[in-house]
Amino acid sequence: IFLISLKDRTKKELYKKLEEKYQNNNAIKKAIKKLEELGYLNDLD
């Protein structure tokens, strides 16, 4: 949420950024899915 507030990002870009901070890939994927559901992340938009 913090990273998206700084600038718009694609799913891939956000995943790469989160990978730099966390090693739990399943947690990252789950977080990205939640951000999509909440409308924070949308590759079409």
ModelCIF file with pLDDT and N, C-alpha, C, O atoms, coordinates in Angstrom:
data_MODEL
#
_entry.id   MODEL 
#
_entity.id                         1 
_entity.type                       polymer 
_entity.pdbx_number_of_molecules   1 
#
_entity_poly.entity_id                      1 
_entity_poly.type                           'polypeptide(L)' 
_entity_poly.nstd_linkage                   no 
_entity_poly.nstd_monomer                   no 
_entity_poly.pdbx_seq_one_letter_code       IFLISLKDRTKKELYKKLEEKYQNNNAIKKAIKKLEELGYLNDLD 
_entity_poly.pdbx_seq_one_letter_code_can   IFLISLKDRTKKELYKKLEEKYQNNNAIKKAIKKLEELGYLNDLD 
_entity_poly.pdbx_strand_id                 A 
#
loop_
_entity_poly_seq.entity_id 
_entity_poly_seq.num 
_entity_poly_seq.mon_id 
_entity_poly_seq.hetero 
1 1  ILE n 
1 2  PHE n 
1 3  LEU n 
1 4  ILE n 
1 5  SER n 
1 6  LEU n 
1 7  LYS n 
1 8  ASP n 
1 9  ARG n 
1 10 THR n 
1 11 LYS n 
1 12 LYS n 
1 13 GLU n 
1 14 LEU n 
1 15 TYR n 
1 16 LYS n 
1 17 LYS n 
1 18 LEU n 
1 19 GLU n 
1 20 GLU n 
1 21 LYS n 
1 22 TYR n 
1 23 GLN n 
1 24 ASN n 
1 25 ASN n 
1 26 ASN n 
1 27 ALA n 
1 28 ILE n 
1 29 LYS n 
1 30 LYS n 
1 31 ALA n 
1 32 ILE n 
1 33 LYS n 
1 34 LYS n 
1 35 LEU n 
1 36 GLU n 
1 37 GLU n 
1 38 LEU n 
1 39 GLY n 
1 40 TYR n 
1 41 LEU n 
1 42 ASN n 
1 43 ASP n 
1 44 LEU n 
1 45 ASP n 
#
_struct_asym.id          A 
_struct_asym.entity_id   1 
#
loop_
_ma_qa_metric.id 
_ma_qa_metric.mode 
_ma_qa_metric.name 
_ma_qa_metric.software_group_id 
_ma_qa_metric.type 
1 global pLDDT . pLDDT 
2 local  pLDDT . pLDDT 
#
_ma_qa_metric_global.metric_id      1 
_ma_qa_metric_global.metric_value   92.89 
_ma_qa_metric_global.model_id       1 
_ma_qa_metric_global.ordinal_id     1 
#
loop_
_ma_qa_metric_local.label_asym_id 
_ma_qa_metric_local.label_comp_id 
_ma_qa_metric_local.label_seq_id 
_ma_qa_metric_local.metric_id 
_ma_qa_metric_local.metric_value 
_ma_qa_metric_local.model_id 
_ma_qa_metric_local.ordinal_id 
A ILE 1  2 92.00 1 1  
A PHE 2  2 92.00 1 2  
A LEU 3  2 92.00 1 3  
A ILE 4  2 90.00 1 4  
A SER 5  2 87.00 1 5  
A LEU 6  2 88.00 1 6  
A LYS 7  2 88.00 1 7  
A ASP 8  2 89.00 1 8  
A ARG 9  2 93.00 1 9  
A THR 10 2 94.00 1 10 
A LYS 11 2 94.00 1 11 
A LYS 12 2 94.00 1 12 
A GLU 13 2 95.00 1 13 
A LEU 14 2 96.00 1 14 
A TYR 15 2 95.00 1 15 
A LYS 16 2 95.00 1 16 
A LYS 17 2 94.00 1 17 
A LEU 18 2 96.00 1 18 
A GLU 19 2 94.00 1 19 
A GLU 20 2 92.00 1 20 
A LYS 21 2 92.00 1 21 
A TYR 22 2 95.00 1 22 
A GLN 23 2 94.00 1 23 
A ASN 24 2 95.00 1 24 
A ASN 25 2 95.00 1 25 
A ASN 26 2 96.00 1 26 
A ALA 27 2 96.00 1 27 
A ILE 28 2 96.00 1 28 
A LYS 29 2 96.00 1 29 
A LYS 30 2 96.00 1 30 
A ALA 31 2 96.00 1 31 
A ILE 32 2 95.00 1 32 
A LYS 33 2 95.00 1 33 
A LYS 34 2 94.00 1 34 
A LEU 35 2 94.00 1 35 
A GLU 36 2 92.00 1 36 
A GLU 37 2 91.00 1 37 
A LEU 38 2 87.00 1 38 
A GLY 39 2 86.00 1 39 
A TYR 40 2 88.00 1 40 
A LEU 41 2 92.00 1 41 
A ASN 42 2 92.00 1 42 
A ASP 43 2 94.00 1 43 
A LEU 44 2 93.00 1 44 
A ASP 45 2 90.00 1 45 
#
loop_
_atom_site.group_PDB 
_atom_site.id 
_atom_site.type_symbol 
_atom_site.label_atom_id 
_atom_site.label_alt_id 
_atom_site.label_comp_id 
_atom_site.label_asym_id 
_atom_site.label_entity_id 
_atom_site.label_seq_id 
_atom_site.pdbx_PDB_ins_code 
_atom_site.Cartn_x 
_atom_site.Cartn_y 
_atom_site.Cartn_z 
_atom_site.occupancy 
_atom_site.B_iso_or_equiv 
_atom_site.pdbx_formal_charge 
_atom_site.auth_seq_id 
_atom_site.auth_comp_id 
_atom_site.auth_asym_id 
_atom_site.auth_atom_id 
_atom_site.pdbx_PDB_model_num 
ATOM 1   N N  . ILE A 1 1  ? 0.840   -1.206  0.000   1.00 92.00 ? 1  ILE A N  1 
ATOM 2   C CA . ILE A 1 1  ? 0.000   0.000   0.000   1.00 92.00 ? 1  ILE A CA 1 
ATOM 3   C C  . ILE A 1 1  ? 0.871   1.252   0.000   1.00 92.00 ? 1  ILE A C  1 
ATOM 4   O O  . ILE A 1 1  ? 0.594   2.219   -0.709  1.00 92.00 ? 1  ILE A O  1 
ATOM 5   N N  . PHE A 1 2  ? 1.925   1.215   0.804   1.00 92.00 ? 2  PHE A N  1 
ATOM 6   C CA . PHE A 1 2  ? 2.844   2.358   0.879   1.00 92.00 ? 2  PHE A CA 1 
ATOM 7   C C  . PHE A 1 2  ? 3.525   2.600   -0.473  1.00 92.00 ? 2  PHE A C  1 
ATOM 8   O O  . PHE A 1 2  ? 3.599   3.738   -0.936  1.00 92.00 ? 2  PHE A O  1 
ATOM 9   N N  . LEU A 1 3  ? 4.021   1.530   -1.104  1.00 92.00 ? 3  LEU A N  1 
ATOM 10  C CA . LEU A 1 3  ? 4.721   1.664   -2.384  1.00 92.00 ? 3  LEU A CA 1 
ATOM 11  C C  . LEU A 1 3  ? 3.798   2.181   -3.484  1.00 92.00 ? 3  LEU A C  1 
ATOM 12  O O  . LEU A 1 3  ? 4.212   2.983   -4.321  1.00 92.00 ? 3  LEU A O  1 
ATOM 13  N N  . ILE A 1 4  ? 2.547   1.719   -3.480  1.00 90.00 ? 4  ILE A N  1 
ATOM 14  C CA . ILE A 1 4  ? 1.583   2.175   -4.488  1.00 90.00 ? 4  ILE A CA 1 
ATOM 15  C C  . ILE A 1 4  ? 1.205   3.630   -4.249  1.00 90.00 ? 4  ILE A C  1 
ATOM 16  O O  . ILE A 1 4  ? 0.883   4.356   -5.190  1.00 90.00 ? 4  ILE A O  1 
ATOM 17  N N  . SER A 1 5  ? 1.245   4.057   -2.985  1.00 87.00 ? 5  SER A N  1 
ATOM 18  C CA . SER A 1 5  ? 0.917   5.457   -2.682  1.00 87.00 ? 5  SER A CA 1 
ATOM 19  C C  . SER A 1 5  ? 1.988   6.404   -3.230  1.00 87.00 ? 5  SER A C  1 
ATOM 20  O O  . SER A 1 5  ? 1.713   7.577   -3.482  1.00 87.00 ? 5  SER A O  1 
ATOM 21  N N  . LEU A 1 6  ? 3.197   5.897   -3.412  1.00 88.00 ? 6  LEU A N  1 
ATOM 22  C CA . LEU A 1 6  ? 4.286   6.719   -3.941  1.00 88.00 ? 6  LEU A CA 1 
ATOM 23  C C  . LEU A 1 6  ? 4.178   6.888   -5.447  1.00 88.00 ? 6  LEU A C  1 
ATOM 24  O O  . LEU A 1 6  ? 4.454   7.964   -5.977  1.00 88.00 ? 6  LEU A O  1 
ATOM 25  N N  . LYS A 1 7  ? 3.773   5.815   -6.143  1.00 88.00 ? 7  LYS A N  1 
ATOM 26  C CA . LYS A 1 7  ? 3.619   5.854   -7.605  1.00 88.00 ? 7  LYS A CA 1 
ATOM 27  C C  . LYS A 1 7  ? 2.832   4.633   -8.050  1.00 88.00 ? 7  LYS A C  1 
ATOM 28  O O  . LYS A 1 7  ? 2.853   3.594   -7.391  1.00 88.00 ? 7  LYS A O  1 
ATOM 29  N N  . ASP A 1 8  ? 2.137   4.766   -9.175  1.00 89.00 ? 8  ASP A N  1 
ATOM 30  C CA . ASP A 1 8  ? 1.412   3.627   -9.734  1.00 89.00 ? 8  ASP A CA 1 
ATOM 31  C C  . ASP A 1 8  ? 2.405   2.558   -10.152 1.00 89.00 ? 8  ASP A C  1 
ATOM 32  O O  . ASP A 1 8  ? 3.482   2.856   -10.667 1.00 89.00 ? 8  ASP A O  1 
ATOM 33  N N  . ARG A 1 9  ? 2.025   1.305   -9.921  1.00 93.00 ? 9  ARG A N  1 
ATOM 34  C CA . ARG A 1 9  ? 2.896   0.192   -10.286 1.00 93.00 ? 9  ARG A CA 1 
ATOM 35  C C  . ARG A 1 9  ? 2.071   -0.944  -10.875 1.00 93.00 ? 9  ARG A C  1 
ATOM 36  O O  . ARG A 1 9  ? 0.885   -1.092  -10.580 1.00 93.00 ? 9  ARG A O  1 
ATOM 37  N N  . THR A 1 10 ? 2.725   -1.747  -11.716 1.00 94.00 ? 10 THR A N  1 
ATOM 38  C CA . THR A 1 10 ? 2.078   -2.953  -12.222 1.00 94.00 ? 10 THR A CA 1 
ATOM 39  C C  . THR A 1 10 ? 2.252   -4.058  -11.180 1.00 94.00 ? 10 THR A C  1 
ATOM 40  O O  . THR A 1 10 ? 3.008   -3.911  -10.219 1.00 94.00 ? 10 THR A O  1 
ATOM 41  N N  . LYS A 1 11 ? 1.543   -5.161  -11.387 1.00 94.00 ? 11 LYS A N  1 
ATOM 42  C CA . LYS A 1 11 ? 1.683   -6.300  -10.462 1.00 94.00 ? 11 LYS A CA 1 
ATOM 43  C C  . LYS A 1 11 ? 3.132   -6.790  -10.432 1.00 94.00 ? 11 LYS A C  1 
ATOM 44  O O  . LYS A 1 11 ? 3.687   -7.072  -9.369  1.00 94.00 ? 11 LYS A O  1 
ATOM 45  N N  . LYS A 1 12 ? 3.728   -6.885  -11.616 1.00 94.00 ? 12 LYS A N  1 
ATOM 46  C CA . LYS A 1 12 ? 5.100   -7.383  -11.697 1.00 94.00 ? 12 LYS A CA 1 
ATOM 47  C C  . LYS A 1 12 ? 6.066   -6.451  -10.972 1.00 94.00 ? 12 LYS A C  1 
ATOM 48  O O  . LYS A 1 12 ? 6.942   -6.904  -10.236 1.00 94.00 ? 12 LYS A O  1 
ATOM 49  N N  . GLU A 1 13 ? 5.900   -5.148  -11.185 1.00 95.00 ? 13 GLU A N  1 
ATOM 50  C CA . GLU A 1 13 ? 6.784   -4.171  -10.533 1.00 95.00 ? 13 GLU A CA 1 
ATOM 51  C C  . GLU A 1 13 ? 6.658   -4.242  -9.024  1.00 95.00 ? 13 GLU A C  1 
ATOM 52  O O  . GLU A 1 13 ? 7.661   -4.202  -8.311  1.00 95.00 ? 13 GLU A O  1 
ATOM 53  N N  . LEU A 1 14 ? 5.429   -4.346  -8.535  1.00 96.00 ? 14 LEU A N  1 
ATOM 54  C CA . LEU A 1 14 ? 5.222   -4.405  -7.088  1.00 96.00 ? 14 LEU A CA 1 
ATOM 55  C C  . LEU A 1 14 ? 5.784   -5.697  -6.516  1.00 96.00 ? 14 LEU A C  1 
ATOM 56  O O  . LEU A 1 14 ? 6.389   -5.693  -5.445  1.00 96.00 ? 14 LEU A O  1 
ATOM 57  N N  . TYR A 1 15 ? 5.586   -6.799  -7.225  1.00 95.00 ? 15 TYR A N  1 
ATOM 58  C CA . TYR A 1 15 ? 6.113   -8.084  -6.764  1.00 95.00 ? 15 TYR A CA 1 
ATOM 59  C C  . TYR A 1 15 ? 7.633   -8.012  -6.591  1.00 95.00 ? 15 TYR A C  1 
ATOM 60  O O  . TYR A 1 15 ? 8.182   -8.479  -5.593  1.00 95.00 ? 15 TYR A O  1 
ATOM 61  N N  . LYS A 1 16 ? 8.298   -7.418  -7.583  1.00 95.00 ? 16 LYS A N  1 
ATOM 62  C CA . LYS A 1 16 ? 9.755   -7.300  -7.514  1.00 95.00 ? 16 LYS A CA 1 
ATOM 63  C C  . LYS A 1 16 ? 10.192  -6.452  -6.323  1.00 95.00 ? 16 LYS A C  1 
ATOM 64  O O  . LYS A 1 16 ? 11.173  -6.773  -5.651  1.00 95.00 ? 16 LYS A O  1 
ATOM 65  N N  . LYS A 1 17 ? 9.458   -5.368  -6.066  1.00 94.00 ? 17 LYS A N  1 
ATOM 66  C CA . LYS A 1 17 ? 9.783   -4.496  -4.931  1.00 94.00 ? 17 LYS A CA 1 
ATOM 67  C C  . LYS A 1 17 ? 9.610   -5.239  -3.604  1.00 94.00 ? 17 LYS A C  1 
ATOM 68  O O  . LYS A 1 17 ? 10.451  -5.138  -2.711  1.00 94.00 ? 17 LYS A O  1 
ATOM 69  N N  . LEU A 1 18 ? 8.514   -5.981  -3.488  1.00 96.00 ? 18 LEU A N  1 
ATOM 70  C CA . LEU A 1 18 ? 8.250   -6.704  -2.247  1.00 96.00 ? 18 LEU A CA 1 
ATOM 71  C C  . LEU A 1 18 ? 9.244   -7.843  -2.039  1.00 96.00 ? 18 LEU A C  1 
ATOM 72  O O  . LEU A 1 18 ? 9.583   -8.190  -0.907  1.00 96.00 ? 18 LEU A O  1 
ATOM 73  N N  . GLU A 1 19 ? 9.702   -8.414  -3.144  1.00 94.00 ? 19 GLU A N  1 
ATOM 74  C CA . GLU A 1 19 ? 10.709  -9.481  -3.059  1.00 94.00 ? 19 GLU A CA 1 
ATOM 75  C C  . GLU A 1 19 ? 12.003  -8.976  -2.430  1.00 94.00 ? 19 GLU A C  1 
ATOM 76  O O  . GLU A 1 19 ? 12.744  -9.740  -1.811  1.00 94.00 ? 19 GLU A O  1 
ATOM 77  N N  . GLU A 1 20 ? 12.265  -7.676  -2.596  1.00 92.00 ? 20 GLU A N  1 
ATOM 78  C CA . GLU A 1 20 ? 13.479  -7.096  -2.010  1.00 92.00 ? 20 GLU A CA 1 
ATOM 79  C C  . GLU A 1 20 ? 13.371  -6.995  -0.490  1.00 92.00 ? 20 GLU A C  1 
ATOM 80  O O  . GLU A 1 20 ? 14.380  -6.905  0.209   1.00 92.00 ? 20 GLU A O  1 
ATOM 81  N N  . LYS A 1 21 ? 12.123  -7.010  0.018   1.00 92.00 ? 21 LYS A N  1 
ATOM 82  C CA . LYS A 1 21 ? 11.890  -6.805  1.452   1.00 92.00 ? 21 LYS A CA 1 
ATOM 83  C C  . LYS A 1 21 ? 11.517  -8.080  2.204   1.00 92.00 ? 21 LYS A C  1 
ATOM 84  O O  . LYS A 1 21 ? 11.731  -8.186  3.412   1.00 92.00 ? 21 LYS A O  1 
ATOM 85  N N  . TYR A 1 22 ? 10.954  -9.052  1.471   1.00 95.00 ? 22 TYR A N  1 
ATOM 86  C CA . TYR A 1 22 ? 10.425  -10.254 2.131   1.00 95.00 ? 22 TYR A CA 1 
ATOM 87  C C  . TYR A 1 22 ? 10.804  -11.510 1.359   1.00 95.00 ? 22 TYR A C  1 
ATOM 88  O O  . TYR A 1 22 ? 10.885  -11.495 0.131   1.00 95.00 ? 22 TYR A O  1 
ATOM 89  N N  . GLN A 1 23 ? 11.034  -12.594 2.086   1.00 94.00 ? 23 GLN A N  1 
ATOM 90  C CA . GLN A 1 23 ? 11.429  -13.860 1.471   1.00 94.00 ? 23 GLN A CA 1 
ATOM 91  C C  . GLN A 1 23 ? 10.268  -14.838 1.341   1.00 94.00 ? 23 GLN A C  1 
ATOM 92  O O  . GLN A 1 23 ? 10.398  -15.864 0.672   1.00 94.00 ? 23 GLN A O  1 
ATOM 93  N N  . ASN A 1 24 ? 9.155   -14.541 1.958   1.00 95.00 ? 24 ASN A N  1 
ATOM 94  C CA . ASN A 1 24 ? 7.995   -15.426 1.927   1.00 95.00 ? 24 ASN A CA 1 
ATOM 95  C C  . ASN A 1 24 ? 7.170   -15.149 0.664   1.00 95.00 ? 24 ASN A C  1 
ATOM 96  O O  . ASN A 1 24 ? 6.306   -14.272 0.661   1.00 95.00 ? 24 ASN A O  1 
ATOM 97  N N  . ASN A 1 25 ? 7.442   -15.900 -0.403  1.00 95.00 ? 25 ASN A N  1 
ATOM 98  C CA . ASN A 1 25 ? 6.783   -15.655 -1.690  1.00 95.00 ? 25 ASN A CA 1 
ATOM 99  C C  . ASN A 1 25 ? 5.272   -15.841 -1.631  1.00 95.00 ? 25 ASN A C  1 
ATOM 100 O O  . ASN A 1 25 ? 4.529   -15.099 -2.273  1.00 95.00 ? 25 ASN A O  1 
ATOM 101 N N  . ASN A 1 26 ? 4.822   -16.815 -0.872  1.00 96.00 ? 26 ASN A N  1 
ATOM 102 C CA . ASN A 1 26 ? 3.375   -17.036 -0.749  1.00 96.00 ? 26 ASN A CA 1 
ATOM 103 C C  . ASN A 1 26 ? 2.688   -15.837 -0.095  1.00 96.00 ? 26 ASN A C  1 
ATOM 104 O O  . ASN A 1 26 ? 1.579   -15.456 -0.472  1.00 96.00 ? 26 ASN A O  1 
ATOM 105 N N  . ALA A 1 27 ? 3.366   -15.256 0.884   1.00 96.00 ? 27 ALA A N  1 
ATOM 106 C CA . ALA A 1 27 ? 2.814   -14.075 1.561   1.00 96.00 ? 27 ALA A CA 1 
ATOM 107 C C  . ALA A 1 27 ? 2.752   -12.889 0.590   1.00 96.00 ? 27 ALA A C  1 
ATOM 108 O O  . ALA A 1 27 ? 1.796   -12.114 0.612   1.00 96.00 ? 27 ALA A O  1 
ATOM 109 N N  . ILE A 1 28 ? 3.770   -12.753 -0.254  1.00 96.00 ? 28 ILE A N  1 
ATOM 110 C CA . ILE A 1 28 ? 3.794   -11.671 -1.235  1.00 96.00 ? 28 ILE A CA 1 
ATOM 111 C C  . ILE A 1 28 ? 2.646   -11.840 -2.228  1.00 96.00 ? 28 ILE A C  1 
ATOM 112 O O  . ILE A 1 28 ? 1.927   -10.884 -2.519  1.00 96.00 ? 28 ILE A O  1 
ATOM 113 N N  . LYS A 1 29 ? 2.476   -13.054 -2.745  1.00 96.00 ? 29 LYS A N  1 
ATOM 114 C CA . LYS A 1 29 ? 1.396   -13.322 -3.703  1.00 96.00 ? 29 LYS A CA 1 
ATOM 115 C C  . LYS A 1 29 ? 0.022   -13.059 -3.081  1.00 96.00 ? 29 LYS A C  1 
ATOM 116 O O  . LYS A 1 29 ? -0.874  -12.510 -3.723  1.00 96.00 ? 29 LYS A O  1 
ATOM 117 N N  . LYS A 1 30 ? -0.119  -13.461 -1.828  1.00 96.00 ? 30 LYS A N  1 
ATOM 118 C CA . LYS A 1 30 ? -1.387  -13.246 -1.120  1.00 96.00 ? 30 LYS A CA 1 
ATOM 119 C C  . LYS A 1 30 ? -1.657  -11.754 -0.943  1.00 96.00 ? 30 LYS A C  1 
ATOM 120 O O  . LYS A 1 30 ? -2.790  -11.299 -1.096  1.00 96.00 ? 30 LYS A O  1 
ATOM 121 N N  . ALA A 1 31 ? -0.604  -10.993 -0.617  1.00 96.00 ? 31 ALA A N  1 
ATOM 122 C CA . ALA A 1 31 ? -0.745  -9.548  -0.432  1.00 96.00 ? 31 ALA A CA 1 
ATOM 123 C C  . ALA A 1 31 ? -1.132  -8.870  -1.748  1.00 96.00 ? 31 ALA A C  1 
ATOM 124 O O  . ALA A 1 31 ? -1.989  -7.986  -1.764  1.00 96.00 ? 31 ALA A O  1 
ATOM 125 N N  . ILE A 1 32 ? -0.504  -9.281  -2.842  1.00 95.00 ? 32 ILE A N  1 
ATOM 126 C CA . ILE A 1 32 ? -0.808  -8.701  -4.155  1.00 95.00 ? 32 ILE A CA 1 
ATOM 127 C C  . ILE A 1 32 ? -2.248  -9.014  -4.553  1.00 95.00 ? 32 ILE A C  1 
ATOM 128 O O  . ILE A 1 32 ? -2.951  -8.152  -5.079  1.00 95.00 ? 32 ILE A O  1 
ATOM 129 N N  . LYS A 1 33 ? -2.678  -10.232 -4.305  1.00 95.00 ? 33 LYS A N  1 
ATOM 130 C CA . LYS A 1 33 ? -4.065  -10.614 -4.606  1.00 95.00 ? 33 LYS A CA 1 
ATOM 131 C C  . LYS A 1 33 ? -5.044  -9.757  -3.814  1.00 95.00 ? 33 LYS A C  1 
ATOM 132 O O  . LYS A 1 33 ? -6.067  -9.326  -4.346  1.00 95.00 ? 33 LYS A O  1 
ATOM 133 N N  . LYS A 1 34 ? -4.733  -9.510  -2.542  1.00 94.00 ? 34 LYS A N  1 
ATOM 134 C CA . LYS A 1 34 ? -5.585  -8.674  -1.694  1.00 94.00 ? 34 LYS A CA 1 
ATOM 135 C C  . LYS A 1 34 ? -5.619  -7.241  -2.203  1.00 94.00 ? 34 LYS A C  1 
ATOM 136 O O  . LYS A 1 34 ? -6.674  -6.606  -2.199  1.00 94.00 ? 34 LYS A O  1 
ATOM 137 N N  . LEU A 1 35 ? -4.482  -6.730  -2.639  1.00 94.00 ? 35 LEU A N  1 
ATOM 138 C CA . LEU A 1 35 ? -4.420  -5.360  -3.169  1.00 94.00 ? 35 LEU A CA 1 
ATOM 139 C C  . LEU A 1 35 ? -5.246  -5.224  -4.446  1.00 94.00 ? 35 LEU A C  1 
ATOM 140 O O  . LEU A 1 35 ? -5.847  -4.181  -4.701  1.00 94.00 ? 35 LEU A O  1 
ATOM 141 N N  . GLU A 1 36 ? -5.267  -6.294  -5.244  1.00 92.00 ? 36 GLU A N  1 
ATOM 142 C CA . GLU A 1 36 ? -6.131  -6.298  -6.431  1.00 92.00 ? 36 GLU A CA 1 
ATOM 143 C C  . GLU A 1 36 ? -7.597  -6.254  -6.022  1.00 92.00 ? 36 GLU A C  1 
ATOM 144 O O  . GLU A 1 36 ? -8.386  -5.495  -6.585  1.00 92.00 ? 36 GLU A O  1 
ATOM 145 N N  . GLU A 1 37 ? -7.954  -7.067  -5.044  1.00 91.00 ? 37 GLU A N  1 
ATOM 146 C CA . GLU A 1 37 ? -9.347  -7.122  -4.574  1.00 91.00 ? 37 GLU A CA 1 
ATOM 147 C C  . GLU A 1 37 ? -9.795  -5.777  -4.007  1.00 91.00 ? 37 GLU A C  1 
ATOM 148 O O  . GLU A 1 37 ? -10.950 -5.382  -4.165  1.00 91.00 ? 37 GLU A O  1 
ATOM 149 N N  . LEU A 1 38 ? -8.871  -5.077  -3.345  1.00 87.00 ? 38 LEU A N  1 
ATOM 150 C CA . LEU A 1 38 ? -9.186  -3.780  -2.732  1.00 87.00 ? 38 LEU A CA 1 
ATOM 151 C C  . LEU A 1 38 ? -9.172  -2.637  -3.754  1.00 87.00 ? 38 LEU A C  1 
ATOM 152 O O  . LEU A 1 38 ? -9.583  -1.518  -3.446  1.00 87.00 ? 38 LEU A O  1 
ATOM 153 N N  . GLY A 1 39 ? -8.696  -2.926  -4.972  1.00 86.00 ? 39 GLY A N  1 
ATOM 154 C CA . GLY A 1 39 ? -8.673  -1.898  -6.017  1.00 86.00 ? 39 GLY A CA 1 
ATOM 155 C C  . GLY A 1 39 ? -7.414  -1.054  -6.046  1.00 86.00 ? 39 GLY A C  1 
ATOM 156 O O  . GLY A 1 39 ? -7.332  -0.085  -6.801  1.00 86.00 ? 39 GLY A O  1 
ATOM 157 N N  . TYR A 1 40 ? -6.426  -1.415  -5.224  1.00 88.00 ? 40 TYR A N  1 
ATOM 158 C CA . TYR A 1 40 ? -5.173  -0.663  -5.215  1.00 88.00 ? 40 TYR A CA 1 
ATOM 159 C C  . TYR A 1 40 ? -4.307  -1.002  -6.428  1.00 88.00 ? 40 TYR A C  1 
ATOM 160 O O  . TYR A 1 40 ? -3.489  -0.189  -6.859  1.00 88.00 ? 40 TYR A O  1 
ATOM 161 N N  . LEU A 1 41 ? -4.489  -2.188  -6.967  1.00 92.00 ? 41 LEU A N  1 
ATOM 162 C CA . LEU A 1 41 ? -3.625  -2.698  -8.022  1.00 92.00 ? 41 LEU A CA 1 
ATOM 163 C C  . LEU A 1 41 ? -4.483  -3.194  -9.176  1.00 92.00 ? 41 LEU A C  1 
ATOM 164 O O  . LEU A 1 41 ? -5.313  -4.086  -9.006  1.00 92.00 ? 41 LEU A O  1 
ATOM 165 N N  . ASN A 1 42 ? -4.275  -2.603  -10.364 1.00 92.00 ? 42 ASN A N  1 
ATOM 166 C CA . ASN A 1 42 ? -5.088  -2.976  -11.513 1.00 92.00 ? 42 ASN A CA 1 
ATOM 167 C C  . ASN A 1 42 ? -4.287  -2.703  -12.787 1.00 92.00 ? 42 ASN A C  1 
ATOM 168 O O  . ASN A 1 42 ? -4.077  -1.548  -13.158 1.00 92.00 ? 42 ASN A O  1 
ATOM 169 N N  . ASP A 1 43 ? -3.845  -3.765  -13.451 1.00 94.00 ? 43 ASP A N  1 
ATOM 170 C CA . ASP A 1 43 ? -3.007  -3.596  -14.644 1.00 94.00 ? 43 ASP A CA 1 
ATOM 171 C C  . ASP A 1 43 ? -3.755  -2.940  -15.800 1.00 94.00 ? 43 ASP A C  1 
ATOM 172 O O  . ASP A 1 43 ? -3.142  -2.262  -16.625 1.00 94.00 ? 43 ASP A O  1 
ATOM 173 N N  . LEU A 1 44 ? -5.073  -3.134  -15.869 1.00 93.00 ? 44 LEU A N  1 
ATOM 174 C CA . LEU A 1 44 ? -5.852  -2.488  -16.928 1.00 93.00 ? 44 LEU A CA 1 
ATOM 175 C C  . LEU A 1 44 ? -5.888  -0.977  -16.709 1.00 93.00 ? 44 LEU A C  1 
ATOM 176 O O  . LEU A 1 44 ? -5.651  -0.204  -17.637 1.00 93.00 ? 44 LEU A O  1 
ATOM 177 N N  . ASP A 1 45 ? -6.186  -0.559  -15.471 1.00 90.00 ? 45 ASP A N  1 
ATOM 178 C CA . ASP A 1 45 ? -6.202  0.871   -15.160 1.00 90.00 ? 45 ASP A CA 1 
ATOM 179 C C  . ASP A 1 45 ? -4.819  1.492   -15.384 1.00 90.00 ? 45 ASP A C  1 
ATOM 180 O O  . ASP A 1 45 ? -4.639  2.692   -15.173 1.00 90.00 ? 45 ASP A O  1 
#
